[in-house]
Amino acid sequence: MLVEHEVGGSGGNGDGGGGAPRGAVDRLKRDDPADARAQERTAPALGLVGGHPLTAVGLSSVFGSADVVVGGGALPARSVVLADLTCPGCSPAAAELTRLARQHRLVLLVGQGQVGLAEEALADGALCSVGAWEPVSEVRRAVAAAGAGTPWVSPGAAEAGAQVREVRSLLSRQEREVLRLYGADLPAKSVARRMGITVGTAKEYLKRMRAKLAVRGVAVGTKVDLRVLAEQLGLLSPQAQCGTAPDVVDLRDEAS
């Protein structure tokens, strides 16, 4: 889904840090319709990718735009694009976020369970990031910063990202892989087979990982905890999380 509308402020004039303020465009419509149309064509665009369709309604209210186009139409290069990472099953995958970051000024609206994915996207060139749990004013600030070409990460998103990086730093490559596979609901036998190790070694990696994280107060006691943590660290694809695409691992012939 792609939603395109003018970047504006919270009120009627819609001055979002670039292009003509809405009040100025309205005056131009009265004085010189041709110039007004030119101003509107050059006003910066805001695209929305991912997320629930209701997000488009909310954003049109936040940015004060009455001109919302849903679907179709590629945005001009270097447009401001907001990637909605609040719905795991609707979030763009990492590869899509990388592509968007290369072509546009990418803003990430981050859900609590998608912080790891957001951290990867920032490393791959996303410009701004803001937590979906933060005030609407922070979302406006992120979009305005992207419109000016300025990197910016909100305080909440920065704190959440630091926590994810800390947890990742505690785990070895093998432990992260064990977490990914266990988080994808594979049993120990299948985890071991995929990693080319014994079942005992796989269980030892899991035991060691749990001991490290328990000291830091991270919940890892159940398989549900492991899945939640794997999602938060960005080890599972968004599509695999809600079952709208093939699983991150092939579960056929792996019943036990």
Foldseek 3Di string as FASTA:
>chain_A
DKKKWAQAAQDDQGNLQDFGTNVVLVVCCVVPVVVSVVSRVPGAMEMEAWDDPVVQVVVCNRRVTPDMDPDDDDDQFAGEYEFEAAQLQGGDWLVVLLVCQVGYQYEYAHHQLALQSVVSSVVSHHQEYEYVPDDSVVVSVRSSCSVVVHRYYDPVSVVLNVVLVVLVVQADPLLLQLLLCLLLVFDLCVSCVVVVHDSVVSVVSLVVSCVSVVVVVQDDPDSPSSNSSCSNNVSFTSNLVVVVDDHPDDCPPRPD
